[in-house]
Structures are given as structure tokens and as C-alpha cells.
Amino acid sequence: ESGEKIRITVEDQGSCEFDSIKTMSEAFVKSQK
């Protein structure tokens, strides 16, 4: 919690093939796996 905002973070130790949340969150975009 910071000020009035709440942050929930999910982290793993891998790496992502995408560099942008904008690209990743487009409809029908998915990783090869």
C-alpha cells in the first residue's frame, strides 16, 4: 500500500518474450507456449 493505492504484484523468475504490456494485452496475442 502506498498512499491511497494498493499494489498486488505477481512475480516469477522467468523472462518474457514480450517487452510491452501494450502488445501483450492486445486481443488474441499470446506466447508461443
PDB file of all heavy atoms in Angstrom:
ATOM      1  N   GLU A   1       0.866  -1.175   0.000  1.00  0.00           N
ATOM      2  CA  GLU A   1       0.000   0.000   0.000  1.00  0.00           C
ATOM      3  C   GLU A   1       0.905   1.228   0.000  1.00  0.00           C
ATOM      4  O   GLU A   1       1.921   1.263   0.677  1.00  0.00           O
ATOM      5  CB  GLU A   1      -0.887  -0.059   1.237  1.00  0.00           C
ATOM      6  CG  GLU A   1      -1.709   1.162   1.503  1.00  0.00           C
ATOM      7  CD  GLU A   1      -1.027   2.107   2.472  1.00  0.00           C
ATOM      8  OE1 GLU A   1      -0.277   1.669   3.348  1.00  0.00           O
ATOM      9  OE2 GLU A   1      -1.253   3.310   2.320  1.00  0.00           O
ATOM     10  N   SER A   2       0.543   2.183  -0.832  1.00  0.00           N
ATOM     11  CA  SER A   2       1.293   3.434  -0.891  1.00  0.00           C
ATOM     12  C   SER A   2       0.293   4.562  -1.051  1.00  0.00           C
ATOM     13  O   SER A   2      -0.384   4.652  -2.085  1.00  0.00           O
ATOM     14  CB  SER A   2       2.265   3.410  -2.071  1.00  0.00           C
ATOM     15  OG  SER A   2       2.920   4.651  -2.190  1.00  0.00           O
ATOM     16  N   GLY A   3       0.191   5.380  -0.036  1.00  0.00           N
ATOM     17  CA  GLY A   3      -0.826   6.428  -0.084  1.00  0.00           C
ATOM     18  C   GLY A   3      -2.193   5.796  -0.121  1.00  0.00           C
ATOM     19  O   GLY A   3      -2.535   4.993   0.736  1.00  0.00           O
ATOM     20  N   GLU A   4      -2.936   6.115  -1.141  1.00  0.00           N
ATOM     21  CA  GLU A   4      -4.284   5.555  -1.279  1.00  0.00           C
ATOM     22  C   GLU A   4      -4.338   4.409  -2.276  1.00  0.00           C
ATOM     23  O   GLU A   4      -5.404   3.871  -2.539  1.00  0.00           O
ATOM     24  CB  GLU A   4      -5.263   6.652  -1.701  1.00  0.00           C
ATOM     25  CG  GLU A   4      -5.468   7.706  -0.645  1.00  0.00           C
ATOM     26  CD  GLU A   4      -6.564   8.688  -1.036  1.00  0.00           C
ATOM     27  OE1 GLU A   4      -7.039   8.652  -2.184  1.00  0.00           O
ATOM     28  OE2 GLU A   4      -6.939   9.489  -0.178  1.00  0.00           O
ATOM     29  N   LYS A   5      -3.210   4.038  -2.859  1.00  0.00           N
ATOM     30  CA  LYS A   5      -3.198   2.971  -3.863  1.00  0.00           C
ATOM     31  C   LYS A   5      -2.744   1.656  -3.265  1.00  0.00           C
ATOM     32  O   LYS A   5      -1.900   1.609  -2.385  1.00  0.00           O
ATOM     33  CB  LYS A   5      -2.292   3.360  -5.024  1.00  0.00           C
ATOM     34  CG  LYS A   5      -2.829   4.538  -5.798  1.00  0.00           C
ATOM     35  CD  LYS A   5      -1.986   4.836  -6.986  1.00  0.00           C
ATOM     36  CE  LYS A   5      -2.597   6.038  -7.710  1.00  0.00           C
ATOM     37  NZ  LYS A   5      -1.763   6.503  -8.776  1.00  0.00           N
ATOM     38  N   ILE A   6      -3.324   0.581  -3.783  1.00  0.00           N
ATOM     39  CA  ILE A   6      -2.952  -0.772  -3.396  1.00  0.00           C
ATOM     40  C   ILE A   6      -2.297  -1.432  -4.608  1.00  0.00           C
ATOM     41  O   ILE A   6      -2.793  -1.314  -5.733  1.00  0.00           O
ATOM     42  CB  ILE A   6      -4.176  -1.585  -2.939  1.00  0.00           C
ATOM     43  CG1 ILE A   6      -4.744  -0.968  -1.666  1.00  0.00           C
ATOM     44  CG2 ILE A   6      -3.822  -3.047  -2.747  1.00  0.00           C
ATOM     45  CD1 ILE A   6      -6.041  -1.575  -1.227  1.00  0.00           C
ATOM     46  N   ARG A   7      -1.187  -2.110  -4.370  1.00  0.00           N
ATOM     47  CA  ARG A   7      -0.451  -2.796  -5.443  1.00  0.00           C
ATOM     48  C   ARG A   7      -0.358  -4.276  -5.091  1.00  0.00           C
ATOM     49  O   ARG A   7       0.067  -4.639  -4.002  1.00  0.00           O
ATOM     50  CB  ARG A   7       0.945  -2.210  -5.569  1.00  0.00           C
ATOM     51  CG  ARG A   7       1.821  -2.918  -6.580  1.00  0.00           C
ATOM     52  CD  ARG A   7       3.234  -2.336  -6.564  1.00  0.00           C
ATOM     53  NE  ARG A   7       3.225  -0.941  -6.935  1.00  0.00           N
ATOM     54  CZ  ARG A   7       3.389  -0.472  -8.176  1.00  0.00           C
ATOM     55  NH1 ARG A   7       3.584  -1.321  -9.166  1.00  0.00           N
ATOM     56  NH2 ARG A   7       3.361   0.818  -8.424  1.00  0.00           N
ATOM     57  N   ILE A   8      -0.780  -5.113  -6.036  1.00  0.00           N
ATOM     58  CA  ILE A   8      -0.645  -6.564  -5.908  1.00  0.00           C
ATOM     59  C   ILE A   8       0.304  -6.993  -7.020  1.00  0.00           C
ATOM     60  O   ILE A   8      -0.001  -6.821  -8.200  1.00  0.00           O
ATOM     61  CB  ILE A   8      -1.998  -7.287  -6.057  1.00  0.00           C
ATOM     62  CG1 ILE A   8      -3.018  -6.737  -5.058  1.00  0.00           C
ATOM     63  CG2 ILE A   8      -1.812  -8.794  -5.890  1.00  0.00           C
ATOM     64  CD1 ILE A   8      -4.442  -7.156  -5.335  1.00  0.00           C
ATOM     65  N   THR A   9       1.455  -7.540  -6.630  1.00  0.00           N
ATOM     66  CA  THR A   9       2.479  -7.912  -7.602  1.00  0.00           C
ATOM     67  C   THR A   9       2.605  -9.423  -7.674  1.00  0.00           C
ATOM     68  O   THR A   9       2.679 -10.095  -6.643  1.00  0.00           O
ATOM     69  CB  THR A   9       3.841  -7.308  -7.210  1.00  0.00           C
ATOM     70  OG1 THR A   9       3.698  -5.886  -7.079  1.00  0.00           O
ATOM     71  CG2 THR A   9       4.902  -7.606  -8.253  1.00  0.00           C
ATOM     72  N   VAL A  10       2.631  -9.943  -8.893  1.00  0.00           N
ATOM     73  CA  VAL A  10       2.860 -11.366  -9.148  1.00  0.00           C
ATOM     74  C   VAL A  10       4.165 -11.441  -9.937  1.00  0.00           C
ATOM     75  O   VAL A  10       4.264 -10.891 -11.030  1.00  0.00           O
ATOM     76  CB  VAL A  10       1.707 -12.009  -9.943  1.00  0.00           C
ATOM     77  CG1 VAL A  10       1.996 -13.475 -10.230  1.00  0.00           C
ATOM     78  CG2 VAL A  10       0.384 -11.846  -9.203  1.00  0.00           C
ATOM     79  N   GLU A  11       5.165 -12.118  -9.360  1.00  0.00           N
ATOM     80  CA  GLU A  11       6.486 -12.174  -9.977  1.00  0.00           C
ATOM     81  C   GLU A  11       6.982 -13.600 -10.019  1.00  0.00           C
ATOM     82  O   GLU A  11       6.809 -14.353  -9.066  1.00  0.00           O
ATOM     83  CB  GLU A  11       7.456 -11.321  -9.167  1.00  0.00           C
ATOM     84  CG  GLU A  11       8.881 -11.348  -9.685  1.00  0.00           C
ATOM     85  CD  GLU A  11       9.811 -10.555  -8.802  1.00  0.00           C
ATOM     86  OE1 GLU A  11       9.800  -9.315  -8.891  1.00  0.00           O
ATOM     87  OE2 GLU A  11      10.528 -11.185  -7.995  1.00  0.00           O
ATOM     88  N   ASP A  12       7.589 -13.968 -11.151  1.00  0.00           N
ATOM     89  CA  ASP A  12       8.282 -15.241 -11.230  1.00  0.00           C
ATOM     90  C   ASP A  12       9.703 -14.951 -11.703  1.00  0.00           C
ATOM     91  O   ASP A  12      10.047 -13.811 -11.970  1.00  0.00           O
ATOM     92  CB  ASP A  12       7.547 -16.232 -12.149  1.00  0.00           C
ATOM     93  CG  ASP A  12       7.529 -15.800 -13.596  1.00  0.00           C
ATOM     94  OD1 ASP A  12       8.608 -15.776 -14.225  1.00  0.00           O
ATOM     95  OD2 ASP A  12       6.442 -15.491 -14.117  1.00  0.00           O
ATOM     96  N   GLN A  13      10.520 -15.956 -11.791  1.00  0.00           N
ATOM     97  CA  GLN A  13      11.935 -15.748 -12.109  1.00  0.00           C
ATOM     98  C   GLN A  13      12.266 -16.003 -13.571  1.00  0.00           C
ATOM     99  O   GLN A  13      13.433 -16.089 -13.936  1.00  0.00           O
ATOM    100  CB  GLN A  13      12.794 -16.621 -11.191  1.00  0.00           C
ATOM    101  CG  GLN A  13      12.562 -16.345  -9.716  1.00  0.00           C
ATOM    102  CD  GLN A  13      12.613 -14.868  -9.378  1.00  0.00           C
ATOM    103  OE1 GLN A  13      13.607 -14.202  -9.625  1.00  0.00           O
ATOM    104  NE2 GLN A  13      11.533 -14.341  -8.816  1.00  0.00           N
ATOM    105  N   GLY A  14      11.246 -16.067 -14.404  1.00  0.00           N
ATOM    106  CA  GLY A  14      11.460 -16.275 -15.826  1.00  0.00           C
ATOM    107  C   GLY A  14      11.651 -14.959 -16.551  1.00  0.00           C
ATOM    108  O   GLY A  14      11.766 -13.895 -15.954  1.00  0.00           O
ATOM    109  N   SER A  15      11.697 -15.046 -17.857  1.00  0.00           N
ATOM    110  CA  SER A  15      11.750 -13.845 -18.680  1.00  0.00           C
ATOM    111  C   SER A  15      10.644 -13.955 -19.716  1.00  0.00           C
ATOM    112  O   SER A  15      10.221 -15.046 -20.085  1.00  0.00           O
ATOM    113  CB  SER A  15      13.113 -13.688 -19.342  1.00  0.00           C
ATOM    114  OG  SER A  15      13.374 -14.769 -20.196  1.00  0.00           O
ATOM    115  N   CYS A  16      10.184 -12.829 -20.160  1.00  0.00           N
ATOM    116  CA  CYS A  16       9.034 -12.782 -21.068  1.00  0.00           C
ATOM    117  C   CYS A  16       9.500 -12.465 -22.479  1.00  0.00           C
ATOM    118  O   CYS A  16      10.398 -11.644 -22.676  1.00  0.00           O
ATOM    119  CB  CYS A  16       8.057 -11.721 -20.562  1.00  0.00           C
ATOM    120  SG  CYS A  16       6.543 -11.656 -21.525  1.00  0.00           S
ATOM    121  N   GLU A  17       8.895 -13.091 -23.456  1.00  0.00           N
ATOM    122  CA  GLU A  17       9.261 -12.822 -24.841  1.00  0.00           C
ATOM    123  C   GLU A  17       8.732 -11.477 -25.330  1.00  0.00           C
ATOM    124  O   GLU A  17       9.151 -10.989 -26.370  1.00  0.00           O
ATOM    125  CB  GLU A  17       8.765 -13.945 -25.754  1.00  0.00           C
ATOM    126  CG  GLU A  17       7.250 -14.073 -25.819  1.00  0.00           C
ATOM    127  CD  GLU A  17       6.805 -15.309 -26.566  1.00  0.00           C
ATOM    128  OE1 GLU A  17       6.892 -16.406 -25.989  1.00  0.00           O
ATOM    129  OE2 GLU A  17       6.351 -15.165 -27.723  1.00  0.00           O
ATOM    130  N   PHE A  18       7.827 -10.879 -24.578  1.00  0.00           N
ATOM    131  CA  PHE A  18       7.289  -9.562 -24.920  1.00  0.00           C
ATOM    132  C   PHE A  18       7.973  -8.498 -24.066  1.00  0.00           C
ATOM    133  O   PHE A  18       8.348  -8.744 -22.934  1.00  0.00           O
ATOM    134  CB  PHE A  18       5.783  -9.516 -24.665  1.00  0.00           C
ATOM    135  CG  PHE A  18       4.998 -10.482 -25.505  1.00  0.00           C
ATOM    136  CD1 PHE A  18       4.579 -11.696 -24.980  1.00  0.00           C
ATOM    137  CD2 PHE A  18       4.674 -10.184 -26.816  1.00  0.00           C
ATOM    138  CE1 PHE A  18       3.858 -12.591 -25.733  1.00  0.00           C
ATOM    139  CE2 PHE A  18       3.947 -11.080 -27.592  1.00  0.00           C
ATOM    140  CZ  PHE A  18       3.540 -12.286 -27.052  1.00  0.00           C
ATOM    141  N   ASP A  19       8.110  -7.302 -24.625  1.00  0.00           N
ATOM    142  CA  ASP A  19       8.711  -6.193 -23.878  1.00  0.00           C
ATOM    143  C   ASP A  19       7.689  -5.151 -23.471  1.00  0.00           C
ATOM    144  O   ASP A  19       8.009  -4.235 -22.732  1.00  0.00           O
ATOM    145  CB  ASP A  19       9.796  -5.514 -24.719  1.00  0.00           C
ATOM    146  CG  ASP A  19      11.011  -6.407 -24.888  1.00  0.00           C
ATOM    147  OD1 ASP A  19      11.315  -7.185 -23.960  1.00  0.00           O
ATOM    148  OD2 ASP A  19      11.648  -6.336 -25.954  1.00  0.00           O
ATOM    149  N   SER A  20       6.463  -5.277 -23.963  1.00  0.00           N
ATOM    150  CA  SER A  20       5.468  -4.226 -23.758  1.00  0.00           C
ATOM    151  C   SER A  20       4.143  -4.803 -23.290  1.00  0.00           C
ATOM    152  O   SER A  20       3.625  -5.755 -23.886  1.00  0.00           O
ATOM    153  CB  SER A  20       5.264  -3.481 -25.083  1.00  0.00           C
ATOM    154  OG  SER A  20       4.064  -2.763 -25.095  1.00  0.00           O
ATOM    155  N   ILE A  21       3.587  -4.206 -22.246  1.00  0.00           N
ATOM    156  CA  ILE A  21       2.264  -4.611 -21.780  1.00  0.00           C
ATOM    157  C   ILE A  21       1.214  -4.267 -22.835  1.00  0.00           C
ATOM    158  O   ILE A  21       0.229  -4.972 -22.997  1.00  0.00           O
ATOM    159  CB  ILE A  21       1.917  -3.981 -20.409  1.00  0.00           C
ATOM    160  CG1 ILE A  21       0.616  -4.570 -19.838  1.00  0.00           C
ATOM    161  CG2 ILE A  21       1.808  -2.477 -20.497  1.00  0.00           C
ATOM    162  CD1 ILE A  21       0.682  -5.972 -19.414  1.00  0.00           C
ATOM    163  N   LYS A  22       1.456  -3.206 -23.590  1.00  0.00           N
ATOM    164  CA  LYS A  22       0.505  -2.812 -24.636  1.00  0.00           C
ATOM    165  C   LYS A  22       0.363  -3.917 -25.680  1.00  0.00           C
ATOM    166  O   LYS A  22      -0.741  -4.297 -26.048  1.00  0.00           O
ATOM    167  CB  LYS A  22       0.946  -1.503 -25.287  1.00  0.00           C
ATOM    168  CG  LYS A  22      -0.022  -1.001 -26.307  1.00  0.00           C
ATOM    169  CD  LYS A  22       0.399   0.323 -26.899  1.00  0.00           C
ATOM    170  CE  LYS A  22      -0.657   0.752 -27.904  1.00  0.00           C
ATOM    171  NZ  LYS A  22      -0.310   1.919 -28.638  1.00  0.00           N
ATOM    172  N   THR A  23       1.482  -4.443 -26.139  1.00  0.00           N
ATOM    173  CA  THR A  23       1.444  -5.529 -27.124  1.00  0.00           C
ATOM    174  C   THR A  23       0.815  -6.782 -26.541  1.00  0.00           C
ATOM    175  O   THR A  23      -0.043  -7.409 -27.150  1.00  0.00           O
ATOM    176  CB  THR A  23       2.870  -5.861 -27.606  1.00  0.00           C
ATOM    177  OG1 THR A  23       3.431  -4.700 -28.195  1.00  0.00           O
ATOM    178  CG2 THR A  23       2.869  -7.000 -28.609  1.00  0.00           C
ATOM    179  N   MET A  24       1.252  -7.140 -25.328  1.00  0.00           N
ATOM    180  CA  MET A  24       0.787  -8.366 -24.694  1.00  0.00           C
ATOM    181  C   MET A  24      -0.702  -8.369 -24.399  1.00  0.00           C
ATOM    182  O   MET A  24      -1.330  -9.426 -24.371  1.00  0.00           O
ATOM    183  CB  MET A  24       1.524  -8.539 -23.362  1.00  0.00           C
ATOM    184  CG  MET A  24       2.277  -9.786 -23.262  1.00  0.00           C
ATOM    185  SD  MET A  24       2.998  -9.985 -21.630  1.00  0.00           S
ATOM    186  CE  MET A  24       3.724  -8.423 -21.304  1.00  0.00           C
ATOM    187  N   SER A  25      -1.267  -7.194 -24.124  1.00  0.00           N
ATOM    188  CA  SER A  25      -2.673  -7.139 -23.721  1.00  0.00           C
ATOM    189  C   SER A  25      -3.626  -6.915 -24.894  1.00  0.00           C
ATOM    190  O   SER A  25      -4.816  -6.749 -24.687  1.00  0.00           O
ATOM    191  CB  SER A  25      -2.872  -6.065 -22.651  1.00  0.00           C
ATOM    192  OG  SER A  25      -2.520  -4.801 -23.150  1.00  0.00           O
ATOM    193  N   GLU A  26      -3.103  -6.939 -26.124  1.00  0.00           N
ATOM    194  CA  GLU A  26      -3.992  -6.878 -27.280  1.00  0.00           C
ATOM    195  C   GLU A  26      -4.729  -8.219 -27.412  1.00  0.00           C
ATOM    196  O   GLU A  26      -4.195  -9.263 -27.056  1.00  0.00           O
ATOM    197  CB  GLU A  26      -3.190  -6.596 -28.556  1.00  0.00           C
ATOM    198  CG  GLU A  26      -2.618  -5.202 -28.615  1.00  0.00           C
ATOM    199  CD  GLU A  26      -1.793  -4.959 -29.865  1.00  0.00           C
ATOM    200  OE1 GLU A  26      -1.814  -5.803 -30.786  1.00  0.00           O
ATOM    201  OE2 GLU A  26      -1.126  -3.916 -29.903  1.00  0.00           O
ATOM    202  N   ALA A  27      -5.930  -8.160 -27.934  1.00  0.00           N
ATOM    203  CA  ALA A  27      -6.733  -9.384 -28.100  1.00  0.00           C
ATOM    204  C   ALA A  27      -6.021 -10.373 -29.017  1.00  0.00           C
ATOM    205  O   ALA A  27      -5.462  -9.986 -30.047  1.00  0.00           O
ATOM    206  CB  ALA A  27      -8.102  -9.037 -28.658  1.00  0.00           C
ATOM    207  N   PHE A  28      -6.035 -11.620 -28.629  1.00  0.00           N
ATOM    208  CA  PHE A  28      -5.516 -12.765 -29.374  1.00  0.00           C
ATOM    209  C   PHE A  28      -3.988 -12.810 -29.488  1.00  0.00           C
ATOM    210  O   PHE A  28      -3.454 -13.602 -30.248  1.00  0.00           O
ATOM    211  CB  PHE A  28      -6.164 -12.866 -30.761  1.00  0.00           C
ATOM    212  CG  PHE A  28      -7.662 -12.896 -30.704  1.00  0.00           C
ATOM    213  CD1 PHE A  28      -8.404 -11.796 -31.108  1.00  0.00           C
ATOM    214  CD2 PHE A  28      -8.329 -14.001 -30.196  1.00  0.00           C
ATOM    215  CE1 PHE A  28      -9.792 -11.803 -31.027  1.00  0.00           C
ATOM    216  CE2 PHE A  28      -9.709 -14.021 -30.112  1.00  0.00           C
ATOM    217  CZ  PHE A  28     -10.442 -12.924 -30.532  1.00  0.00           C
ATOM    218  N   VAL A  29      -3.282 -11.993 -28.703  1.00  0.00           N
ATOM    219  CA  VAL A  29      -1.822 -12.069 -28.655  1.00  0.00           C
ATOM    220  C   VAL A  29      -1.454 -13.043 -27.550  1.00  0.00           C
ATOM    221  O   VAL A  29      -1.952 -12.942 -26.437  1.00  0.00           O
ATOM    222  CB  VAL A  29      -1.193 -10.677 -28.386  1.00  0.00           C
ATOM    223  CG1 VAL A  29       0.298 -10.796 -28.121  1.00  0.00           C
ATOM    224  CG2 VAL A  29      -1.455  -9.750 -29.555  1.00  0.00           C
ATOM    225  N   LYS A  30      -0.592 -14.008 -27.871  1.00  0.00           N
ATOM    226  CA  LYS A  30      -0.199 -14.993 -26.871  1.00  0.00           C
ATOM    227  C   LYS A  30       1.221 -15.454 -27.135  1.00  0.00           C
ATOM    228  O   LYS A  30       1.737 -15.315 -28.248  1.00  0.00           O
ATOM    229  CB  LYS A  30      -1.160 -16.167 -26.839  1.00  0.00           C
ATOM    230  CG  LYS A  30      -1.280 -16.932 -28.136  1.00  0.00           C
ATOM    231  CD  LYS A  30      -2.331 -18.011 -28.008  1.00  0.00           C
ATOM    232  CE  LYS A  30      -2.284 -18.951 -29.191  1.00  0.00           C
ATOM    233  NZ  LYS A  30      -3.134 -20.094 -28.986  1.00  0.00           N
ATOM    234  N   SER A  31       1.840 -16.001 -26.101  1.00  0.00           N
ATOM    235  CA  SER A  31       3.199 -16.513 -26.250  1.00  0.00           C
ATOM    236  C   SER A  31       3.173 -17.816 -27.043  1.00  0.00           C
ATOM    237  O   SER A  31       2.127 -18.444 -27.207  1.00  0.00           O
ATOM    238  CB  SER A  31       3.838 -16.741 -24.875  1.00  0.00           C
ATOM    239  OG  SER A  31       3.292 -17.888 -24.265  1.00  0.00           O
ATOM    240  N   GLN A  32       4.333 -18.219 -27.500  1.00  0.00           N
ATOM    241  CA  GLN A  32       4.421 -19.459 -28.267  1.00  0.00           C
ATOM    242  C   GLN A  32       4.064 -20.677 -27.431  1.00  0.00           C
ATOM    243  O   GLN A  32       3.593 -21.677 -27.952  1.00  0.00           O
ATOM    244  CB  GLN A  32       5.829 -19.610 -28.844  1.00  0.00           C
ATOM    245  CG  GLN A  32       6.159 -18.562 -29.869  1.00  0.00           C
ATOM    246  CD  GLN A  32       7.582 -18.668 -30.375  1.00  0.00           C
ATOM    247  OE1 GLN A  32       8.391 -19.420 -29.840  1.00  0.00           O
ATOM    248  NE2 GLN A  32       7.896 -17.920 -31.415  1.00  0.00           N
ATOM    249  N   LYS A  33       4.270 -20.589 -26.103  1.00  0.00           N
ATOM    250  CA  LYS A  33       3.971 -21.720 -25.210  1.00  0.00           C
ATOM    251  C   LYS A  33       2.502 -21.784 -24.804  1.00  0.00           C
ATOM    252  O   LYS A  33       2.056 -22.778 -24.270  1.00  0.00           O
ATOM    253  CB  LYS A  33       4.818 -21.630 -23.944  1.00  0.00           C
ATOM    254  CG  LYS A  33       6.300 -21.764 -24.180  1.00  0.00           C
ATOM    255  CD  LYS A  33       7.039 -21.792 -22.862  1.00  0.00           C
ATOM    256  CE  LYS A  33       7.434 -20.393 -22.464  1.00  0.00           C
ATOM    257  NZ  LYS A  33       8.178 -20.336 -21.208  1.00  0.00           N
TER     258      LYS A  33
END
